[in-house]
C-alpha atoms as a PDB file:
ATOM      1  CA  MET A   1      29.178  28.462   8.987  1.00  0.00           C
ATOM      2  CA  VAL A   2      27.595  26.948   5.343  1.00  0.00           C
ATOM      3  CA  ALA A   3      24.270  25.477   5.516  1.00  0.00           C
ATOM      4  CA  ILE A   4      23.679  22.515   2.742  1.00  0.00           C
ATOM      5  CA  GLN A   5      19.981  21.569   2.172  1.00  0.00           C
ATOM      6  CA  LEU A   6      19.736  18.149   1.133  1.00  0.00           C
ATOM      7  CA  ASP A   7      16.458  18.144  -1.049  1.00  0.00           C
ATOM      8  CA  ARG A   8      13.612  19.051   1.354  1.00  0.00           C
ATOM      9  CA  GLU A   9      14.513  18.294   4.689  1.00  0.00           C
ATOM     10  CA  THR A  10      17.766  17.485   5.921  1.00  0.00           C
ATOM     11  CA  THR A  11      20.568  19.815   6.313  1.00  0.00           C
ATOM     12  CA  ILE A  12      24.334  19.611   6.762  1.00  0.00           C
ATOM     13  CA  LEU A  13      25.545  22.583   9.172  1.00  0.00           C
ATOM     14  CA  ILE A  14      29.556  22.918   8.361  1.00  0.00           C
ATOM     15  CA  GLY A  15      31.427  25.124  10.825  1.00  0.00           C
ATOM     16  CA  GLN A  16      33.685  24.458  13.205  1.00  0.00           C
ATOM     17  CA  LYS A  17      31.818  21.317  13.779  1.00  0.00           C
ATOM     18  CA  THR A  18      29.905  19.354  11.159  1.00  0.00           C
ATOM     19  CA  ILE A  19      25.961  18.900  12.060  1.00  0.00           C
ATOM     20  CA  VAL A  20      23.469  16.590  10.309  1.00  0.00           C
ATOM     21  CA  SER A  21      20.062  18.030  10.999  1.00  0.00           C
ATOM     22  CA  GLY A  22      16.889  16.867  10.548  1.00  0.00           C
ATOM     23  CA  GLN A  23      14.794  19.846  10.457  1.00  0.00           C
ATOM     24  CA  SER A  24      15.193  22.209   7.440  1.00  0.00           C
ATOM     25  CA  VAL A  25      16.808  25.900   7.681  1.00  0.00           C
ATOM     26  CA  GLU A  26      17.400  28.408   4.910  1.00  0.00           C
ATOM     27  CA  SER A  27      20.442  27.169   3.432  1.00  0.00           C
ATOM     28  CA  ASP A  28      23.283  28.060   1.436  1.00  0.00           C
ATOM     29  CA  ILE A  29      22.551  25.559  -1.795  1.00  0.00           C
ATOM     30  CA  THR A  30      20.523  23.013  -2.223  1.00  0.00           C
ATOM     31  CA  CYS A  31      21.154  19.865  -3.192  1.00  0.00           C
ATOM     32  CA  VAL A  32      18.121  17.791  -5.277  1.00  0.00           C
ATOM     33  CA  THR A  33      18.614  14.113  -6.336  1.00  0.00           C
ATOM     34  CA  HIS A  34      16.132  13.701  -8.901  1.00  0.00           C
ATOM     35  CA  GLY A  35      12.625  14.890 -10.531  1.00  0.00           C
ATOM     36  CA  HIS A  36      10.397  13.953  -8.131  1.00  0.00           C
ATOM     37  CA  LEU A  37       8.286  17.026  -6.393  1.00  0.00           C
ATOM     38  CA  ASP A  38       8.604  15.734  -2.951  1.00  0.00           C
ATOM     39  CA  HIS A  39      12.213  16.211  -2.987  1.00  0.00           C
ATOM     40  CA  TRP A  40      11.883  19.615  -4.835  1.00  0.00           C
ATOM     41  CA  GLY A  41      12.271  22.298  -1.667  1.00  0.00           C
ATOM     42  CA  GLY A  42      11.463  25.624  -4.261  1.00  0.00           C
ATOM     43  CA  ARG A  43      14.530  27.307  -2.597  1.00  0.00           C
ATOM     44  CA  LYS A  44      15.448  30.579  -3.630  1.00  0.00           C
ATOM     45  CA  LYS A  45      18.973  29.844  -3.260  1.00  0.00           C
ATOM     46  CA  PRO A  46      21.450  27.908  -5.744  1.00  0.00           C
ATOM     47  CA  SER A  47      20.084  24.437  -6.593  1.00  0.00           C
ATOM     48  CA  ILE A  48      22.759  21.554  -7.525  1.00  0.00           C
ATOM     49  CA  MET A  49      21.525  18.855 -10.190  1.00  0.00           C
ATOM     50  CA  THR A  50      22.321  17.012 -13.077  1.00  0.00           C
ATOM     51  CA  ASN A  51      20.639  18.639 -16.782  1.00  0.00           C
ATOM     52  CA  GLU A  52      18.307  15.849 -16.656  1.00  0.00           C
ATOM     53  CA  THR A  53      16.833  16.470 -13.343  1.00  0.00           C
ATOM     54  CA  TYR A  54      16.756  20.129 -14.341  1.00  0.00           C
ATOM     55  CA  ASN A  55      14.561  19.297 -17.584  1.00  0.00           C
ATOM     56  CA  ILE A  56      12.629  16.526 -15.822  1.00  0.00           C
ATOM     57  CA  LEU A  57      11.087  19.233 -13.157  1.00  0.00           C
ATOM     58  CA  ARG A  58      10.655  22.084 -16.159  1.00  0.00           C
ATOM     59  CA  ALA A  59       8.681  19.492 -18.114  1.00  0.00           C
ATOM     60  CA  ARG A  60       6.358  19.255 -15.051  1.00  0.00           C
ATOM     61  CA  LYS A  61       6.332  22.931 -15.356  1.00  0.00           C
ATOM     62  CA  ILE A  62       9.059  23.646 -12.200  1.00  0.00           C
ATOM     63  CA  GLY A  63      10.806  27.289 -11.986  1.00  0.00           C
ATOM     64  CA  ILE A  64      13.717  27.050 -11.459  1.00  0.00           C
ATOM     65  CA  SER A  65      15.989  30.475 -11.501  1.00  0.00           C
ATOM     66  CA  ASN A  66      19.100  30.042  -9.999  1.00  0.00           C
ATOM     67  CA  TYR A  67      20.719  26.385 -10.333  1.00  0.00           C
ATOM     68  CA  LEU A  68      23.906  24.278 -10.576  1.00  0.00           C
ATOM     69  CA  SER A  69      24.232  22.020 -13.549  1.00  0.00           C
ATOM     70  CA  ALA A  70      26.748  18.926 -12.543  1.00  0.00           C
ATOM     71  CA  LYS A  71      27.114  15.337 -14.309  1.00  0.00           C
ATOM     72  CA  HIS A  72      27.265  12.525 -12.383  1.00  0.00           C
ATOM     73  CA  GLY A  73      31.382  11.985 -11.643  1.00  0.00           C
ATOM     74  CA  GLU A  74      31.507  15.703 -11.585  1.00  0.00           C
ATOM     75  CA  THR A  75      32.843  17.458  -8.612  1.00  0.00           C
ATOM     76  CA  ILE A  76      32.331  20.946  -7.742  1.00  0.00           C
ATOM     77  CA  ASN A  77      33.231  23.509  -5.459  1.00  0.00           C
ATOM     78  CA  PRO A  78      30.503  26.117  -4.713  1.00  0.00           C
ATOM     79  CA  PHE A  79      32.609  27.039  -0.736  1.00  0.00           C
ATOM     80  CA  GLY A  80      36.033  26.944  -0.697  1.00  0.00           C
ATOM     81  CA  ASP A  81      37.191  23.594   0.992  1.00  0.00           C
ATOM     82  CA  ILE A  82      34.181  22.151   0.930  1.00  0.00           C
ATOM     83  CA  LYS A  83      33.662  19.498  -2.444  1.00  0.00           C
ATOM     84  CA  ILE A  84      30.277  18.059  -3.833  1.00  0.00           C
ATOM     85  CA  THR A  85      30.400  15.449  -6.455  1.00  0.00           C
ATOM     86  CA  LEU A  86      27.524  13.719  -7.657  1.00  0.00           C
ATOM     87  CA  MET A  87      27.008  10.147  -8.208  1.00  0.00           C
ATOM     88  CA  ASN A  88      24.099   7.664 -10.303  1.00  0.00           C
ATOM     89  CA  SER A  89      21.220   6.468  -7.589  1.00  0.00           C
ATOM     90  CA  GLY A  90      19.718   4.137  -9.886  1.00  0.00           C
ATOM     91  CA  HIS A  91      16.253   5.566  -8.688  1.00  0.00           C
ATOM     92  CA  MET A  92      15.236   7.644 -12.356  1.00  0.00           C
ATOM     93  CA  LEU A  93      16.977   9.516 -15.224  1.00  0.00           C
ATOM     94  CA  GLY A  94      19.597  12.002 -13.994  1.00  0.00           C
ATOM     95  CA  SER A  95      19.069  11.080 -10.480  1.00  0.00           C
ATOM     96  CA  SER A  96      22.008  11.350  -7.815  1.00  0.00           C
ATOM     97  CA  LEU A  97      23.661  10.877  -4.747  1.00  0.00           C
ATOM     98  CA  PHE A  98      26.072  13.083  -3.567  1.00  0.00           C
ATOM     99  CA  LYS A  99      29.149  12.880  -1.987  1.00  0.00           C
ATOM    100  CA  ILE A 100      30.038  16.135   0.410  1.00  0.00           C
ATOM    101  CA  GLU A 101      33.527  16.385   1.738  1.00  0.00           C
ATOM    102  CA  THR A 102      34.303  18.947   4.505  1.00  0.00           C
ATOM    103  CA  PRO A 103      38.208  19.443   5.771  1.00  0.00           C
ATOM    104  CA  GLU A 104      36.812  17.196   8.862  1.00  0.00           C
ATOM    105  CA  LEU A 105      34.994  14.493   7.140  1.00  0.00           C
ATOM    106  CA  ASP A 106      33.174  12.549   3.442  1.00  0.00           C
ATOM    107  CA  VAL A 107      29.001  12.662   3.946  1.00  0.00           C
ATOM    108  CA  VAL A 108      27.039  10.923   1.369  1.00  0.00           C
ATOM    109  CA  TYR A 109      23.728  11.399   0.683  1.00  0.00           C
ATOM    110  CA  THR A 110      21.750   9.018  -1.292  1.00  0.00           C
ATOM    111  CA  GLY A 111      18.512  10.410  -1.858  1.00  0.00           C
ATOM    112  CA  ASP A 112      15.956   7.813  -3.082  1.00  0.00           C
ATOM    113  CA  LEU A 113      18.034   4.956  -3.982  1.00  0.00           C
ATOM    114  CA  ASN A 114      17.723   2.029  -6.004  1.00  0.00           C
ATOM    115  CA  THR A 115      20.382  -0.646  -6.463  1.00  0.00           C
ATOM    116  CA  VAL A 116      19.624  -2.953  -9.004  1.00  0.00           C
ATOM    117  CA  GLU A 117      19.602  -2.480 -12.650  1.00  0.00           C
ATOM    118  CA  THR A 118      16.471  -1.455 -14.237  1.00  0.00           C
ATOM    119  CA  MET A 119      14.643  -1.700 -17.963  1.00  0.00           C
ATOM    120  CA  LEU A 120      16.382   2.222 -18.236  1.00  0.00           C
ATOM    121  CA  ASP A 121      19.059   2.599 -15.279  1.00  0.00           C
ATOM    122  CA  ARG A 122      21.918   1.226 -13.726  1.00  0.00           C
ATOM    123  CA  PRO A 123      22.223   0.550  -9.850  1.00  0.00           C
ATOM    124  CA  ALA A 124      22.962   3.049  -7.539  1.00  0.00           C
ATOM    125  CA  LYS A 125      26.833   3.543  -7.737  1.00  0.00           C
ATOM    126  CA  VAL A 126      28.356   2.663  -4.393  1.00  0.00           C
ATOM    127  CA  VAL A 127      30.321   5.917  -3.319  1.00  0.00           C
ATOM    128  CA  ASN A 128      31.973   5.599   0.168  1.00  0.00           C
ATOM    129  CA  GLY A 129      32.054   7.976   3.312  1.00  0.00           C
ATOM    130  CA  GLU A 130      32.798   8.385   7.243  1.00  0.00           C
ATOM    131  CA  GLU A 131      28.773   9.524   7.284  1.00  0.00           C
ATOM    132  CA  LEU A 132      26.311   7.809   5.597  1.00  0.00           C
ATOM    133  CA  ILE A 133      22.448   9.800   5.071  1.00  0.00           C
ATOM    134  CA  ILE A 134      20.529   6.959   3.219  1.00  0.00           C
ATOM    135  CA  GLU A 135      16.289   6.890   2.464  1.00  0.00           C
ATOM    136  CA  ALA A 136      14.580   3.646   4.063  1.00  0.00           C
ATOM    137  CA  THR A 137      11.353   3.915   1.945  1.00  0.00           C
ATOM    138  CA  TYR A 138      11.207   0.059   2.189  1.00  0.00           C
ATOM    139  CA  GLY A 139      13.435  -0.107   5.121  1.00  0.00           C
ATOM    140  CA  ALA A 140      11.577  -3.186   6.647  1.00  0.00           C
ATOM    141  CA  PRO A 141      12.446  -6.665   6.553  1.00  0.00           C
ATOM    142  CA  LEU A 142       9.034  -8.134   4.739  1.00  0.00           C
ATOM    143  CA  TYR A 143       9.977  -5.915   1.725  1.00  0.00           C
ATOM    144  CA  LYS A 144      11.315  -8.249  -0.412  1.00  0.00           C
ATOM    145  CA  PHE A 145      10.782  -7.546  -4.280  1.00  0.00           C
ATOM    146  CA  GLY A 146      12.592 -10.498  -5.836  1.00  0.00           C
ATOM    147  CA  PRO A 147      13.992 -10.379  -9.749  1.00  0.00           C
ATOM    148  CA  ARG A 148      13.144  -7.380 -11.308  1.00  0.00           C
ATOM    149  CA  ASP A 149      12.160  -9.966 -14.827  1.00  0.00           C
ATOM    150  CA  ASN A 150       9.579 -11.892 -13.010  1.00  0.00           C
ATOM    151  CA  ILE A 151       8.183  -8.915 -12.241  1.00  0.00           C
ATOM    152  CA  TYR A 152       8.561  -7.460 -16.237  1.00  0.00           C
ATOM    153  CA  ALA A 153       7.574 -10.988 -16.550  1.00  0.00           C
ATOM    154  CA  GLN A 154       4.649 -10.433 -14.869  1.00  0.00           C
ATOM    155  CA  ILE A 155       3.163  -6.836 -16.358  1.00  0.00           C
ATOM    156  CA  VAL A 156       3.905  -8.584 -20.137  1.00  0.00           C
ATOM    157  CA  ARG A 157       1.533 -11.030 -19.051  1.00  0.00           C
ATOM    158  CA  TRP A 158      -0.739  -9.190 -17.987  1.00  0.00           C
ATOM    159  CA  ILE A 159      -1.093  -6.757 -21.067  1.00  0.00           C
ATOM    160  CA  LEU A 160      -1.213  -9.903 -23.508  1.00  0.00           C
ATOM    161  CA  LYS A 161      -4.366 -11.319 -21.141  1.00  0.00           C
ATOM    162  CA  THR A 162      -5.850  -8.393 -20.939  1.00  0.00           C
ATOM    163  CA  ILE A 163      -5.834  -7.210 -25.030  1.00  0.00           C
ATOM    164  CA  LYS A 164      -6.955 -11.231 -25.698  1.00  0.00           C
ATOM    165  CA  GLU A 165      -9.494 -10.673 -23.628  1.00  0.00           C
ATOM    166  CA  GLY A 166     -10.468  -7.462 -25.550  1.00  0.00           C
ATOM    167  CA  PHE A 167      -9.322  -5.097 -23.425  1.00  0.00           C
ATOM    168  CA  ILE A 168      -7.305  -2.242 -23.226  1.00  0.00           C
ATOM    169  CA  PRO A 169      -4.290  -2.307 -20.407  1.00  0.00           C
ATOM    170  CA  CYS A 170      -3.913   1.251 -18.683  1.00  0.00           C
ATOM    171  CA  PHE A 171      -1.610   1.818 -16.020  1.00  0.00           C
ATOM    172  CA  LYS A 172      -1.497   4.553 -13.668  1.00  0.00           C
ATOM    173  CA  VAL A 173       1.516   5.276 -12.371  1.00  0.00           C
ATOM    174  CA  TYR A 174       4.192   8.451 -11.595  1.00  0.00           C
ATOM    175  CA  SER A 175       4.399  10.232 -14.529  1.00  0.00           C
ATOM    176  CA  ALA A 176       8.360  10.729 -14.014  1.00  0.00           C
ATOM    177  CA  GLY A 177      10.355   6.960 -13.567  1.00  0.00           C
ATOM    178  CA  LYS A 178       7.949   4.931 -13.472  1.00  0.00           C
ATOM    179  CA  ALA A 179       5.657   5.767 -16.555  1.00  0.00           C
ATOM    180  CA  GLN A 180       9.343   5.569 -18.670  1.00  0.00           C
ATOM    181  CA  GLU A 181      10.251   2.173 -17.622  1.00  0.00           C
ATOM    182  CA  ILE A 182       6.247   0.881 -18.685  1.00  0.00           C
ATOM    183  CA  ILE A 183       6.973   2.618 -21.491  1.00  0.00           C
ATOM    184  CA  ALA A 184      10.507   1.200 -22.334  1.00  0.00           C
ATOM    185  CA  LEU A 185       9.259  -2.346 -21.303  1.00  0.00           C
ATOM    186  CA  VAL A 186       6.091  -2.534 -23.963  1.00  0.00           C
ATOM    187  CA  ASN A 187       8.400  -0.931 -26.560  1.00  0.00           C
ATOM    188  CA  ARG A 188      11.469  -3.424 -25.867  1.00  0.00           C
ATOM    189  CA  LEU A 189       9.515  -6.688 -24.961  1.00  0.00           C
ATOM    190  CA  LEU A 190       5.814  -6.178 -27.383  1.00  0.00           C
ATOM    191  CA  ASP A 191       4.914  -5.209 -30.567  1.00  0.00           C
ATOM    192  CA  ILE A 192       2.449  -2.832 -29.418  1.00  0.00           C
ATOM    193  CA  ASP A 193       1.505   1.069 -29.568  1.00  0.00           C
ATOM    194  CA  VAL A 194       2.004   2.862 -26.440  1.00  0.00           C
ATOM    195  CA  VAL A 195      -0.165   5.968 -25.768  1.00  0.00           C
ATOM    196  CA  VAL A 196       0.291   8.321 -23.456  1.00  0.00           C
ATOM    197  CA  SER A 197      -1.204  11.335 -21.277  1.00  0.00           C
ATOM    198  CA  GLN A 198      -0.298  14.967 -21.420  1.00  0.00           C
ATOM    199  CA  ASN A 199       2.014  15.202 -18.200  1.00  0.00           C
ATOM    200  CA  VAL A 200       3.984  11.514 -18.812  1.00  0.00           C
ATOM    201  CA  TYR A 201       4.109  12.736 -21.932  1.00  0.00           C
ATOM    202  CA  ARG A 202       5.964  16.132 -21.203  1.00  0.00           C
ATOM    203  CA  VAL A 203       8.186  14.007 -18.580  1.00  0.00           C
ATOM    204  CA  SER A 204       9.129  11.381 -21.690  1.00  0.00           C
ATOM    205  CA  SER A 205      10.078  13.637 -24.463  1.00  0.00           C
ATOM    206  CA  VAL A 206      13.079  14.775 -21.527  1.00  0.00           C
ATOM    207  CA  TYR A 207      13.874  10.768 -21.599  1.00  0.00           C
ATOM    208  CA  LYS A 208      13.556  10.932 -25.650  1.00  0.00           C
ATOM    209  CA  MET A 209      16.527  12.689 -25.197  1.00  0.00           C
ATOM    210  CA  THR A 210      18.819  10.044 -23.636  1.00  0.00           C
ATOM    211  CA  TYR A 211      16.793   7.210 -25.288  1.00  0.00           C
ATOM    212  CA  PRO A 212      15.968   8.278 -28.962  1.00  0.00           C
ATOM    213  CA  TRP A 213      14.684   4.293 -29.468  1.00  0.00           C
ATOM    214  CA  MET A 214      11.416   5.302 -26.998  1.00  0.00           C
ATOM    215  CA  ASN A 215       8.433   5.194 -29.016  1.00  0.00           C
ATOM    216  CA  PHE A 216       4.910   6.848 -27.718  1.00  0.00           C
ATOM    217  CA  GLU A 217       2.114   8.859 -28.625  1.00  0.00           C
ATOM    218  CA  LEU A 218      -0.235  11.903 -26.942  1.00  0.00           C
ATOM    219  CA  ILE A 219      -3.329  11.424 -26.639  1.00  0.00           C
ATOM    220  CA  GLY A 220      -5.044  13.936 -28.670  1.00  0.00           C
ATOM    221  CA  SER A 221      -2.629  13.681 -31.669  1.00  0.00           C
ATOM    222  CA  ILE A 222      -3.517  13.033 -34.514  1.00  0.00           C
ATOM    223  CA  GLU A 223      -1.323  10.280 -34.269  1.00  0.00           C
ATOM    224  CA  SER A 224      -2.820   8.427 -31.328  1.00  0.00           C
ATOM    225  CA  GLY A 225      -6.320   8.831 -33.335  1.00  0.00           C
ATOM    226  CA  GLU A 226      -5.477   5.974 -35.691  1.00  0.00           C
ATOM    227  CA  ILE A 227      -4.068   3.627 -33.257  1.00  0.00           C
ATOM    228  CA  LEU A 228      -7.142   4.241 -31.140  1.00  0.00           C
ATOM    229  CA  ARG A 229      -9.173   3.566 -33.567  1.00  0.00           C
ATOM    230  CA  ASN A 230      -7.344   0.472 -34.581  1.00  0.00           C
ATOM    231  CA  GLY A 231      -8.018  -0.413 -30.458  1.00  0.00           C
ATOM    232  CA  GLU A 232      -4.735  -2.256 -29.426  1.00  0.00           C
ATOM    233  CA  PHE A 233      -2.246  -0.239 -27.412  1.00  0.00           C
ATOM    234  CA  VAL A 234      -1.108   0.032 -23.782  1.00  0.00           C
ATOM    235  CA  TYR A 235      -2.316   3.312 -22.219  1.00  0.00           C
ATOM    236  CA  VAL A 236       0.377   5.105 -19.736  1.00  0.00           C
ATOM    237  CA  SER A 237      -0.991   8.285 -17.416  1.00  0.00           C
ATOM    238  CA  SER A 238      -0.586   9.191 -13.906  1.00  0.00           C
ATOM    239  CA  SER A 239      -4.424   9.201 -13.481  1.00  0.00           C
ATOM    240  CA  ARG A 240      -7.195   7.156 -13.693  1.00  0.00           C
ATOM    241  CA  SER A 241      -8.897   9.203 -16.141  1.00  0.00           C
ATOM    242  CA  TYR A 242     -11.259   8.228 -19.144  1.00  0.00           C
ATOM    243  CA  VAL A 243      -9.269   6.964 -22.614  1.00  0.00           C
ATOM    244  CA  PRO A 244     -11.335   7.794 -25.973  1.00  0.00           C
ATOM    245  CA  THR A 245     -11.923   4.237 -27.452  1.00  0.00           C
ATOM    246  CA  TRP A 246     -14.596   1.921 -28.313  1.00  0.00           C
ATOM    247  CA  LYS A 247     -12.840  -0.802 -26.420  1.00  0.00           C
ATOM    248  CA  ARG A 248     -13.370  -0.846 -22.548  1.00  0.00           C
ATOM    249  CA  THR A 249     -10.545  -0.770 -20.365  1.00  0.00           C
ATOM    250  CA  LYS A 250      -8.448  -2.562 -17.121  1.00  0.00           C
ATOM    251  CA  TRP A 251      -6.163  -0.317 -15.387  1.00  0.00           C
ATOM    252  CA  ALA A 252      -2.887  -1.832 -13.615  1.00  0.00           C
ATOM    253  CA  VAL A 253      -1.012   0.000 -11.157  1.00  0.00           C
ATOM    254  CA  ALA A 254       2.758  -0.267 -10.309  1.00  0.00           C
ATOM    255  CA  THR A 255       4.960   0.183  -7.416  1.00  0.00           C
ATOM    256  CA  GLY A 256       6.381  -1.286  -4.429  1.00  0.00           C
ATOM    257  CA  TRP A 257       4.019  -0.679  -2.243  1.00  0.00           C
ATOM    258  CA  ALA A 258       1.841  -3.482  -3.958  1.00  0.00           C
ATOM    259  CA  LEU A 259       3.875  -5.727  -2.576  1.00  0.00           C
ATOM    260  CA  THR A 260       2.173  -5.173   1.338  1.00  0.00           C
ATOM    261  CA  SER A 261      -1.213  -3.527   0.387  1.00  0.00           C
ATOM    262  CA  LEU A 262      -4.475  -4.344  -1.955  1.00  0.00           C
ATOM    263  CA  PHE A 263      -5.390  -2.430  -4.526  1.00  0.00           C
ATOM    264  CA  PRO A 264      -9.408  -3.450  -4.701  1.00  0.00           C
ATOM    265  CA  GLU A 265     -10.308  -0.615  -7.001  1.00  0.00           C
ATOM    266  CA  PHE A 266      -7.493  -1.827  -9.674  1.00  0.00           C
ATOM    267  CA  ASP A 267      -7.589  -4.918 -11.906  1.00  0.00           C
ATOM    268  CA  ALA A 268      -3.606  -5.436 -11.108  1.00  0.00           C
ATOM    269  CA  ALA A 269      -1.529  -4.308  -9.255  1.00  0.00           C
ATOM    270  CA  PHE A 270       2.467  -5.026  -9.713  1.00  0.00           C
ATOM    271  CA  PRO A 271       5.867  -4.399  -6.769  1.00  0.00           C
ATOM    272  CA  LEU A 272       7.555  -2.781  -9.232  1.00  0.00           C
ATOM    273  CA  SER A 273       9.826  -0.382  -7.614  1.00  0.00           C
ATOM    274  CA  SER A 274      12.247   2.466  -8.036  1.00  0.00           C
ATOM    275  CA  HIS A 275      13.342   2.167  -4.992  1.00  0.00           C
ATOM    276  CA  ALA A 276      16.058  -0.317  -3.173  1.00  0.00           C
ATOM    277  CA  ASP A 277      13.890  -3.090  -1.228  1.00  0.00           C
ATOM    278  CA  PHE A 278      15.013  -3.890   2.662  1.00  0.00           C
ATOM    279  CA  LYS A 279      18.166  -6.151   1.526  1.00  0.00           C
ATOM    280  CA  GLY A 280      19.093  -3.613  -0.783  1.00  0.00           C
ATOM    281  CA  LEU A 281      19.578  -1.197   1.459  1.00  0.00           C
ATOM    282  CA  LEU A 282      21.272  -3.293   3.896  1.00  0.00           C
ATOM    283  CA  ASP A 283      23.932  -4.386   1.180  1.00  0.00           C
ATOM    284  CA  TYR A 284      24.638  -0.666   0.521  1.00  0.00           C
ATOM    285  CA  VAL A 285      25.199   0.462   3.730  1.00  0.00           C
ATOM    286  CA  GLU A 286      27.840  -2.881   4.404  1.00  0.00           C
ATOM    287  CA  ALA A 287      29.386  -2.102   0.783  1.00  0.00           C
ATOM    288  CA  VAL A 288      29.760   2.121   2.403  1.00  0.00           C
ATOM    289  CA  SER A 289      30.811   0.604   5.909  1.00  0.00           C
ATOM    290  CA  PRO A 290      30.257   4.409   7.283  1.00  0.00           C
ATOM    291  CA  ARG A 291      31.236   4.921  11.014  1.00  0.00           C
ATOM    292  CA  LYS A 292      27.582   7.004  11.429  1.00  0.00           C
ATOM    293  CA  ILE A 293      24.234   5.952   9.490  1.00  0.00           C
ATOM    294  CA  PHE A 294      21.476   8.149   9.156  1.00  0.00           C
ATOM    295  CA  THR A 295      17.814   6.996   7.657  1.00  0.00           C
ATOM    296  CA  LEU A 296      15.120   8.896   6.359  1.00  0.00           C
ATOM    297  CA  PHE A 297      12.251   8.637   4.755  1.00  0.00           C
ATOM    298  CA  GLY A 298       9.459   5.622   4.867  1.00  0.00           C
ATOM    299  CA  HIS A 299      10.387   3.118   7.345  1.00  0.00           C
ATOM    300  CA  SER A 300      13.469   4.711   8.881  1.00  0.00           C
ATOM    301  CA  VAL A 301      13.178   4.424  12.606  1.00  0.00           C
ATOM    302  CA  THR A 302      12.383   0.685  12.228  1.00  0.00           C
ATOM    303  CA  PHE A 303      15.596   0.485   9.581  1.00  0.00           C
ATOM    304  CA  ALA A 304      17.798   2.707  11.950  1.00  0.00           C
ATOM    305  CA  LYS A 305      17.088  -0.212  14.779  1.00  0.00           C
ATOM    306  CA  PHE A 306      17.914  -3.159  13.011  1.00  0.00           C
ATOM    307  CA  LEU A 307      21.082  -1.302  11.778  1.00  0.00           C
ATOM    308  CA  ARG A 308      21.978  -0.736  15.367  1.00  0.00           C
ATOM    309  CA  LYS A 309      21.499  -4.317  16.425  1.00  0.00           C
ATOM    310  CA  LEU A 310      24.045  -4.804  13.546  1.00  0.00           C
ATOM    311  CA  GLY A 311      26.622  -2.912  15.379  1.00  0.00           C
ATOM    312  CA  TYR A 312      26.188   0.006  13.208  1.00  0.00           C
ATOM    313  CA  SER A 313      25.764   3.795  15.000  1.00  0.00           C
ATOM    314  CA  ALA A 314      22.679   4.820  13.101  1.00  0.00           C
ATOM    315  CA  TYR A 315      19.669   7.028  13.433  1.00  0.00           C
ATOM    316  CA  ALA A 316      16.338   7.984  12.250  1.00  0.00           C
ATOM    317  CA  LEU A 317      16.580  11.509  10.660  1.00  0.00           C
ATOM    318  CA  GLU A 318      12.742  11.533  11.424  1.00  0.00           C
ATOM    319  CA  GLU A 319      12.624  11.649  15.148  1.00  0.00           C
ATOM    320  CA  LYS A 320      14.516  14.968  14.432  1.00  0.00           C
ATOM    321  CA  PRO A 321      18.120  14.424  15.858  1.00  0.00           C
ATOM    322  CA  ARG A 322      20.747  16.846  15.641  1.00  0.00           C
ATOM    323  CA  VAL A 323      24.142  15.118  15.482  1.00  0.00           C
ATOM    324  CA  GLU A 324      27.320  16.283  15.718  1.00  0.00           C
ATOM    325  CA  ILE A 325      29.773  14.263  13.713  1.00  0.00           C
END
């Protein structure tokens, strides 16, 4: 029997029958979808990921001693007649969904999925498979983000208004993925300098290898010192920390949860997500048209119930099923 780990918690067991398990077991190989730490299991066995994901994890000080690098569209054969193909998942730089082909059937695992184009990423590739394991972070009907350009416009207006009022606009966002989208937004649409925290700088330096036009300075560097003295810039960090500037600051968050949650400790909150919303998830399921569906993360139970109402055979992996497929 071969055990293929999918990020941290889900396992495909391939033997005389193929089994999807909602539990982590000792695996022979791990498919790592992207560089967010909640998807890194720290496995000793080989891990498959893109070179970009590897570099992002290394920038985040994750030690990886045994990994197989593959590009999007590339197929590898780790075990005999089992094939694993990586495709773009649209979530962040280097993020992948995996198609696992066995002699019996094909399984598609999305990991974190984004189905719309962003400032830096193309939408997720639709990959057909008999079985689909799909994330459901925003898998409830109330999550509808609307056009991304509208959210970008809201952010730009807030930045300009904040600067006009004499404040420094600051963003508390994920150091990998969201931070770089904010940097790219400012670089492309505004003639304003960007200063970033240390952990954002490390990951952004990986992004700059793919997007050389990105422009940002590390806080505390000689270059950023002049920018801080001038007093007009955007600051991007993964934590709400002191900014050594003579001006006062205003802080914003950018997360899909801003659609339904209040952030009273912040001056602004924007529903900018690197995940698909409810409709995006439904559209992806319909495009793949799988025989069975397994949902995980976030609103996985709600999404599985909704899919069953549509006639799909759907299971929430949050409920720890062990299903023969």
